[in-house]
């Protein structure tokens, strides 16, 4: 079996062409990209990554540079499940979330990339394979965009092949959210898939009030209506708000998702492969959702996540929105008539422009 011979982290700061805002994270001027390259004794390489909206990337880089090489010294790269548990428990006391689980997510992704490459399979087939055409929506960080620019952005996304749209809500005045969603629904027409994302803005009672106000607009889901630390509150919103609820991008473990799924606190579980622990727990979360007859969606990292949803019979929509990363990838995700296409290249198929990334090293 292939022994791990090196673990090489990278830390980059990707400037955004325009300042992005949502209801809770404030202004985002750059995203941080943390990468890890794992090489084995045969010379094969697997690549993983995670990202932040501007903070904590240095902590992730330190874990990848100092902790994981020591933990994984002499280990066999193919034993992905065992290595995940070894890293989880070695880092557990000072980790169990935050930068630690983001670092583990990148590392696990790289192990799966390496494993699929060694098998000469695209990742979606190595994970079992279901359907390489995955329904996909365009997500925007657009809370403060004037309405005319929001609708122009939507038209641009329709021109790129998207057939489902998500917009931000969570403005100071709920009336403004309602008017913007109403305008978007009129712009898209009846029956067009439309999601909204509040980024944890409201209290539970405020979220129920907002959900009821948004009911007339036939939304596919309302996303992250309140803080992730309140699964009981989410269950109330599901029961009393009258809208399907997507949540999970700020949950960090399989066991947190269990509380939501088993507790009736979510309609569309929404793991992010870059912060839930990696490919290994993402697939477990998807199967957990399947066992409860729930569709699974995703957050972030669409170039990798398309493979994961392509291996899930209960997948719903892949989220696609870039943070400038496509400028540093040889073959970005392809969208055709509302579907993202999982590539047939071995592994996850992402080839980074390492020379270009060197110019924005943090």
Protein backbone atom coordinates (compact mmCIF):
# COMPACT_ATOMS: atom_id res chain seq x y z
CA UNK A 1 0.00 0.00 0.00
CA UNK A 2 1.17 3.58 -0.65
CA UNK A 3 2.89 5.22 2.29
CA UNK A 4 2.48 8.98 2.81
CA UNK A 5 5.83 10.66 2.23
CA UNK A 6 4.96 14.36 2.39
CA UNK A 7 2.18 16.75 3.40
CA UNK A 8 2.59 20.23 1.91
CA UNK A 9 0.23 23.05 2.93
CA UNK A 10 -0.42 26.28 1.03
CA UNK A 11 -2.06 29.49 2.25
CA UNK A 12 -3.35 32.15 -0.12
CA UNK A 13 -5.49 35.28 -0.02
CA UNK A 14 -7.80 35.71 -3.04
CA UNK A 15 -8.94 39.32 -3.52
CA UNK A 16 -12.55 39.76 -4.55
CA UNK A 17 -13.37 41.96 -7.55
CA UNK A 18 -16.16 43.62 -5.54
CA UNK A 19 -16.89 43.82 -1.81
CA UNK A 20 -19.48 41.18 -0.84
CA UNK A 21 -21.92 41.40 2.07
CA UNK A 22 -24.44 39.25 3.84
CA UNK A 23 -26.55 39.77 6.94
CA UNK A 24 -24.03 38.62 9.59
CA UNK A 25 -20.48 38.30 8.21
CA UNK A 26 -20.22 41.95 7.20
CA UNK A 27 -17.97 43.06 4.35
CA UNK A 28 -15.86 40.45 2.60
CA UNK A 29 -12.96 41.86 0.60
CA UNK A 30 -10.95 38.65 0.16
CA UNK A 31 -11.34 34.93 0.75
CA UNK A 32 -8.58 32.79 2.22
CA UNK A 33 -7.65 29.53 0.49
CA UNK A 34 -5.84 26.75 2.35
CA UNK A 35 -4.56 23.85 0.27
CA UNK A 36 -2.78 20.62 1.13
CA UNK A 37 -0.86 18.32 -1.22
CA UNK A 38 -0.27 14.74 -0.08
CA UNK A 39 2.33 12.63 -1.88
CA UNK A 40 2.87 8.90 -1.52
CA UNK A 41 5.89 6.64 -1.97
CA UNK A 42 4.92 5.95 -5.59
CA UNK A 43 5.00 9.66 -6.44
CA UNK A 44 1.23 10.08 -6.73
CA UNK A 45 -0.34 13.26 -5.35
CA UNK A 46 -3.73 14.15 -3.88
CA UNK A 47 -4.92 17.71 -3.36
CA UNK A 48 -7.42 19.11 -0.90
CA UNK A 49 -8.53 22.56 0.10
CA UNK A 50 -10.69 24.60 2.42
CA UNK A 51 -11.49 28.31 2.60
CA UNK A 52 -12.54 31.10 4.93
CA UNK A 53 -14.29 34.42 4.35
CA UNK A 54 -11.19 36.30 5.50
CA UNK A 55 -10.08 35.12 8.96
CA UNK A 56 -8.49 32.03 10.61
CA UNK A 57 -6.61 30.83 7.52
CA UNK A 58 -3.28 31.16 9.35
CA UNK A 59 -4.50 28.81 12.09
CA UNK A 60 -5.60 26.24 9.49
CA UNK A 61 -2.21 26.52 7.80
CA UNK A 62 -0.41 25.89 11.09
CA UNK A 63 -2.41 22.72 11.76
CA UNK A 64 -1.67 21.42 8.26
CA UNK A 65 2.02 22.31 8.55
CA UNK A 66 2.79 21.25 12.14
CA UNK A 67 0.21 18.80 13.44
CA UNK A 68 -0.85 16.53 10.59
CA UNK A 69 2.65 15.59 9.32
CA UNK A 70 3.52 14.30 12.79
CA UNK A 71 0.19 12.51 13.24
CA UNK A 72 0.44 10.86 9.81
CA UNK A 73 4.13 9.94 9.86
CA UNK A 74 4.59 6.55 8.16
CA UNK A 75 0.89 6.00 7.51
CA UNK A 76 -0.70 4.30 4.50
CA UNK A 77 -2.68 6.74 2.34
CA UNK A 78 -5.35 4.23 1.27
CA UNK A 79 -6.76 3.74 4.76
CA UNK A 80 -8.83 6.91 4.62
CA UNK A 81 -11.43 6.02 7.27
CA UNK A 82 -8.81 4.99 9.81
CA UNK A 83 -6.69 8.07 9.15
CA UNK A 84 -9.72 10.33 9.55
CA UNK A 85 -10.41 8.87 13.01
CA UNK A 86 -6.74 9.02 13.97
CA UNK A 87 -6.58 12.73 13.09
CA UNK A 88 -9.97 13.46 14.69
CA UNK A 89 -8.98 12.01 18.06
CA UNK A 90 -5.41 13.30 17.98
CA UNK A 91 -6.73 16.84 17.48
CA UNK A 92 -9.97 16.45 19.45
CA UNK A 93 -9.11 18.08 22.78
CA UNK A 94 -8.00 21.36 21.23
CA UNK A 95 -10.17 20.99 18.15
CA UNK A 96 -13.56 19.40 17.48
CA UNK A 97 -14.49 22.39 15.33
CA UNK A 98 -13.11 25.68 14.07
CA UNK A 99 -9.79 25.73 12.18
CA UNK A 100 -9.05 22.14 13.24
CA UNK A 101 -12.00 20.61 11.40
CA UNK A 102 -11.37 22.84 8.35
CA UNK A 103 -7.79 21.54 8.22
CA UNK A 104 -9.04 17.95 8.59
CA UNK A 105 -11.55 18.60 5.78
CA UNK A 106 -8.79 19.62 3.37
CA UNK A 107 -6.61 16.67 4.42
CA UNK A 108 -9.42 14.14 3.99
CA UNK A 109 -10.31 15.61 0.59
CA UNK A 110 -6.70 15.16 -0.52
CA UNK A 111 -6.70 11.52 0.65
CA UNK A 112 -9.83 10.80 -1.40
CA UNK A 113 -8.38 12.58 -4.43
CA UNK A 114 -5.25 10.43 -4.13
CA UNK A 115 -7.26 7.22 -3.63
CA UNK A 116 -9.43 7.88 -6.69
CA UNK A 117 -6.41 8.78 -8.81
CA UNK A 118 -4.67 5.55 -7.85
CA UNK A 119 -7.80 3.67 -8.94
CA UNK A 120 -7.91 5.75 -12.16
CA UNK A 121 -11.49 6.73 -11.37
CA UNK A 122 -13.28 10.07 -11.10
CA UNK A 123 -14.13 10.70 -7.47
CA UNK A 124 -17.89 10.36 -8.04
CA UNK A 125 -17.40 6.81 -9.32
CA UNK A 126 -14.94 5.94 -6.55
CA UNK A 127 -17.66 6.98 -4.08
CA UNK A 128 -20.17 4.60 -5.67
CA UNK A 129 -21.52 6.57 -8.61
CA UNK A 130 -25.12 7.61 -9.22
CA UNK A 131 -25.49 10.30 -11.90
CA UNK A 132 -22.83 12.77 -13.11
CA UNK A 133 -25.50 15.38 -14.01
CA UNK A 134 -26.37 17.25 -10.82
CA UNK A 135 -29.07 19.94 -10.57
CA UNK A 136 -27.34 23.21 -9.76
CA UNK A 137 -28.28 26.69 -8.61
CA UNK A 138 -26.46 30.01 -8.71
CA UNK A 139 -25.84 31.45 -5.27
CA UNK A 140 -24.97 35.10 -4.85
CA UNK A 141 -23.64 37.14 -1.90
CA UNK A 142 -25.87 40.01 -2.84
CA UNK A 143 -27.76 41.35 0.18
CA UNK A 144 -26.81 44.97 -0.46
CA UNK A 145 -27.02 44.94 -4.24
CA UNK A 146 -29.58 47.47 -5.53
CA UNK A 147 -32.56 45.65 -6.99
CA UNK A 148 -31.71 46.50 -10.60
CA UNK A 149 -28.20 45.08 -10.18
CA UNK A 150 -29.58 42.00 -8.43
CA UNK A 151 -31.86 41.28 -11.37
CA UNK A 152 -29.02 41.89 -13.86
CA UNK A 153 -26.84 39.46 -11.90
CA UNK A 154 -29.68 36.95 -12.15
CA UNK A 155 -29.91 37.41 -15.91
CA UNK A 156 -26.15 36.88 -16.18
CA UNK A 157 -26.50 33.61 -14.27
CA UNK A 158 -29.36 32.48 -16.48
CA UNK A 159 -27.13 33.17 -19.46
CA UNK A 160 -24.48 30.90 -17.94
CA UNK A 161 -26.89 27.96 -17.92
CA UNK A 162 -28.32 28.13 -14.39
CA UNK A 163 -31.97 27.17 -13.98
CA UNK A 164 -32.30 27.85 -10.24
CA UNK A 165 -31.37 30.98 -8.27
CA UNK A 166 -30.64 31.83 -4.64
CA UNK A 167 -30.65 35.36 -3.22
CA UNK A 168 -29.83 36.85 0.16
CA UNK A 169 -32.38 38.09 2.68
CA UNK A 170 -31.90 39.54 6.15
CA UNK A 171 -32.06 43.27 5.54
CA UNK A 172 -32.82 45.60 8.44
CA UNK A 173 -36.47 45.88 7.45
CA UNK A 174 -38.36 42.67 6.65
CA UNK A 175 -40.56 44.65 4.27
CA UNK A 176 -37.49 45.25 2.08
CA UNK A 177 -36.78 41.50 1.94
CA UNK A 178 -40.36 40.79 0.97
CA UNK A 179 -40.34 43.40 -1.78
CA UNK A 180 -37.03 42.12 -3.21
CA UNK A 181 -38.18 38.49 -3.17
CA UNK A 182 -41.48 39.53 -4.77
CA UNK A 183 -39.57 41.35 -7.54
CA UNK A 184 -37.33 38.32 -8.08
CA UNK A 185 -40.29 35.96 -8.29
CA UNK A 186 -41.96 38.23 -10.86
CA UNK A 187 -38.68 38.42 -12.79
CA UNK A 188 -38.17 34.64 -12.87
CA UNK A 189 -41.81 33.68 -13.33
CA UNK A 190 -43.99 31.12 -11.61
CA UNK A 191 -42.49 27.73 -10.88
CA UNK A 192 -38.85 28.75 -11.37
CA UNK A 193 -36.76 27.33 -8.46
CA UNK A 194 -35.92 30.21 -6.08
CA UNK A 195 -34.15 29.91 -2.72
CA UNK A 196 -33.40 32.59 -0.11
CA UNK A 197 -30.59 32.68 2.46
CA UNK A 198 -30.72 34.67 5.72
CA UNK A 199 -27.21 33.77 6.99
CA UNK A 200 -28.42 33.25 10.59
CA UNK A 201 -29.91 36.74 10.81
CA UNK A 202 -33.06 36.26 12.88
CA UNK A 203 -34.23 35.05 16.25
CA UNK A 204 -36.49 32.00 16.12
CA UNK A 205 -39.63 34.11 16.42
CA UNK A 206 -38.27 36.57 13.85
CA UNK A 207 -37.51 33.71 11.47
CA UNK A 208 -41.03 32.32 11.80
CA UNK A 209 -42.44 35.77 11.08
CA UNK A 210 -40.16 36.15 8.04
CA UNK A 211 -40.97 32.66 6.73
CA UNK A 212 -44.68 33.36 6.92
CA UNK A 213 -44.21 36.69 5.13
CA UNK A 214 -42.27 34.92 2.34
CA UNK A 215 -44.72 32.02 1.92
CA UNK A 216 -46.57 33.53 -1.07
CA UNK A 217 -43.47 33.38 -3.29
CA UNK A 218 -43.20 29.57 -3.67
CA UNK A 219 -39.65 29.28 -2.33
CA UNK A 220 -37.70 26.04 -2.66
CA UNK A 221 -36.22 26.75 0.76
CA UNK A 222 -35.31 29.35 3.35
CA UNK A 223 -31.68 28.86 4.35
CA UNK A 224 -30.04 29.41 7.73
CA UNK A 225 -32.86 31.41 9.32
CA UNK A 226 -31.19 31.48 12.75
CA UNK A 227 -27.96 30.50 14.53
CA UNK A 228 -26.70 26.93 14.05
CA UNK A 229 -26.40 26.40 17.82
CA UNK A 230 -30.19 26.10 18.20
CA UNK A 231 -31.54 22.87 16.65
CA UNK A 232 -34.69 23.09 18.78
CA UNK A 233 -35.29 26.57 17.41
CA UNK A 234 -34.82 25.32 13.86
CA UNK A 235 -37.39 22.60 14.55
CA UNK A 236 -39.88 25.29 15.61
CA UNK A 237 -39.20 27.21 12.39
CA UNK A 238 -39.79 24.06 10.33
CA UNK A 239 -43.07 23.37 12.15
CA UNK A 240 -44.42 26.91 12.35
CA UNK A 241 -42.85 28.87 9.51
CA UNK A 242 -44.47 27.09 6.61
CA UNK A 243 -41.34 26.92 4.43
CA UNK A 244 -38.76 24.16 3.82
CA UNK A 245 -35.55 24.92 5.73
CA UNK A 246 -31.98 24.37 4.51
CA UNK A 247 -29.21 24.39 7.12
CA UNK A 248 -25.80 22.93 7.81
CA UNK A 249 -23.03 25.05 6.32
CA UNK A 250 -22.05 26.05 9.87
CA UNK A 251 -22.38 22.58 11.36
CA UNK A 252 -19.01 20.89 11.76
CA UNK A 253 -19.68 17.23 12.55
CA UNK A 254 -21.80 14.25 11.60
CA UNK A 255 -23.18 14.26 15.14
CA UNK A 256 -24.39 17.85 14.87
CA UNK A 257 -26.23 16.90 11.68
CA UNK A 258 -27.76 13.94 13.55
CA UNK A 259 -29.34 16.36 16.05
CA UNK A 260 -30.87 18.37 13.20
CA UNK A 261 -32.04 15.46 11.07
CA UNK A 262 -33.42 13.29 13.86
CA UNK A 263 -34.91 16.33 15.59
CA UNK A 264 -36.93 17.49 12.58
CA UNK A 265 -34.91 20.71 12.45
CA UNK A 266 -34.03 20.72 8.75
CA UNK A 267 -35.66 19.89 5.42
CA UNK A 268 -32.54 20.13 3.26
CA UNK A 269 -29.36 19.17 5.16
CA UNK A 270 -26.54 21.28 3.71
CA UNK A 271 -23.02 20.05 4.53
CA UNK A 272 -19.91 21.81 3.24
CA UNK A 273 -17.12 19.37 2.36
CA UNK A 274 -14.52 22.00 3.31
CA UNK A 275 -15.72 22.41 6.90
CA UNK A 276 -17.71 19.32 7.96
CA UNK A 277 -14.60 17.13 8.17
CA UNK A 278 -14.14 16.31 4.50
CA UNK A 279 -15.46 13.79 2.00
CA UNK A 280 -15.67 11.00 4.60
CA UNK A 281 -18.26 12.67 6.88
CA UNK A 282 -20.01 14.47 3.99
CA UNK A 283 -21.04 11.13 2.52
CA UNK A 284 -22.17 9.87 5.93
CA UNK A 285 -24.29 13.00 6.37
CA UNK A 286 -25.82 12.46 2.92
CA UNK A 287 -26.67 8.85 3.79
CA UNK A 288 -28.07 9.93 7.16
CA UNK A 289 -30.39 12.29 5.30
CA UNK A 290 -31.33 9.49 2.91
CA UNK A 291 -32.29 7.26 5.84
CA UNK A 292 -34.71 9.98 6.99
CA UNK A 293 -36.07 10.42 3.44
CA UNK A 294 -34.55 13.91 3.13
CA UNK A 295 -32.87 15.46 0.10
CA UNK A 296 -29.30 16.67 0.61
CA UNK A 297 -27.88 19.89 -0.80
CA UNK A 298 -24.44 21.48 -0.40
CA UNK A 299 -22.52 24.62 0.40
CA UNK A 300 -19.35 25.85 -1.29
CA UNK A 301 -16.51 24.07 -3.10
CA UNK A 302 -18.71 23.18 -6.06
CA UNK A 303 -15.81 21.78 -8.13
CA UNK A 304 -15.37 19.01 -5.56
CA UNK A 305 -18.91 18.74 -4.22
CA UNK A 306 -20.33 17.96 -7.67
CA UNK A 307 -18.59 14.57 -7.31
CA UNK A 308 -20.15 13.93 -3.91
CA UNK A 309 -23.70 14.75 -4.97
CA UNK A 310 -23.16 12.73 -8.17
CA UNK A 311 -22.75 9.73 -5.87
CA UNK A 312 -25.93 10.44 -3.84
CA UNK A 313 -29.36 9.17 -4.91
CA UNK A 314 -31.02 11.76 -2.61
CA UNK A 315 -29.14 14.79 -3.91
CA UNK A 316 -31.19 17.90 -4.59
CA UNK A 317 -29.21 20.97 -5.72
CA UNK A 318 -25.51 21.74 -5.87
CA UNK A 319 -24.68 25.29 -4.84
CA UNK A 320 -22.36 27.05 -7.29
CA UNK A 321 -20.81 30.38 -6.55
CA UNK A 322 -17.16 31.24 -6.92
CA UNK A 323 -14.98 33.46 -4.80
CA UNK A 324 -12.45 34.01 -7.55
CA UNK A 325 -11.05 30.49 -7.30
CA UNK A 326 -12.01 29.67 -10.89
CA UNK A 327 -9.17 31.98 -12.01
CA UNK A 328 -6.72 29.49 -10.52
CA UNK A 329 -8.28 26.22 -11.79
CA UNK A 330 -7.47 24.77 -15.20
CA UNK A 331 -10.99 23.46 -15.93
CA UNK A 332 -13.72 25.06 -13.79
CA UNK A 333 -17.11 23.46 -13.27
CA UNK A 334 -19.26 23.09 -16.39
CA UNK A 335 -22.94 24.08 -16.25
CA UNK A 336 -25.36 23.00 -18.98
CA UNK A 337 -29.09 23.79 -18.91
CA UNK A 338 -29.36 23.75 -15.13
CA UNK A 339 -27.04 20.83 -14.45
CA UNK A 340 -23.46 20.71 -13.19
CA UNK A 341 -21.40 18.00 -14.87
CA UNK A 342 -19.09 15.88 -12.74
CA UNK A 343 -15.88 15.41 -14.75
CA UNK A 344 -14.48 12.01 -15.72
CA UNK A 345 -10.89 12.97 -14.93
CA UNK A 346 -9.28 10.78 -12.23
CA UNK A 347 -9.72 12.08 -8.69
CA UNK A 348 -11.69 15.28 -8.25
CA UNK A 349 -10.06 16.64 -11.39
CA UNK A 350 -9.05 20.05 -10.00
CA UNK A 351 -5.70 21.22 -11.34
CA UNK A 352 -4.59 24.35 -9.51
CA UNK A 353 -2.41 26.99 -11.12
CA UNK A 354 0.27 26.81 -8.45
CA UNK A 355 2.42 29.48 -10.10
CA UNK A 356 -0.52 31.85 -10.16
CA UNK A 357 -1.37 31.08 -6.55
CA UNK A 358 2.21 31.78 -5.51
CA UNK A 359 1.63 35.41 -6.42
CA UNK A 360 -1.13 35.74 -3.80
CA UNK A 361 0.48 33.64 -1.07
CA UNK A 362 -0.56 34.89 2.36
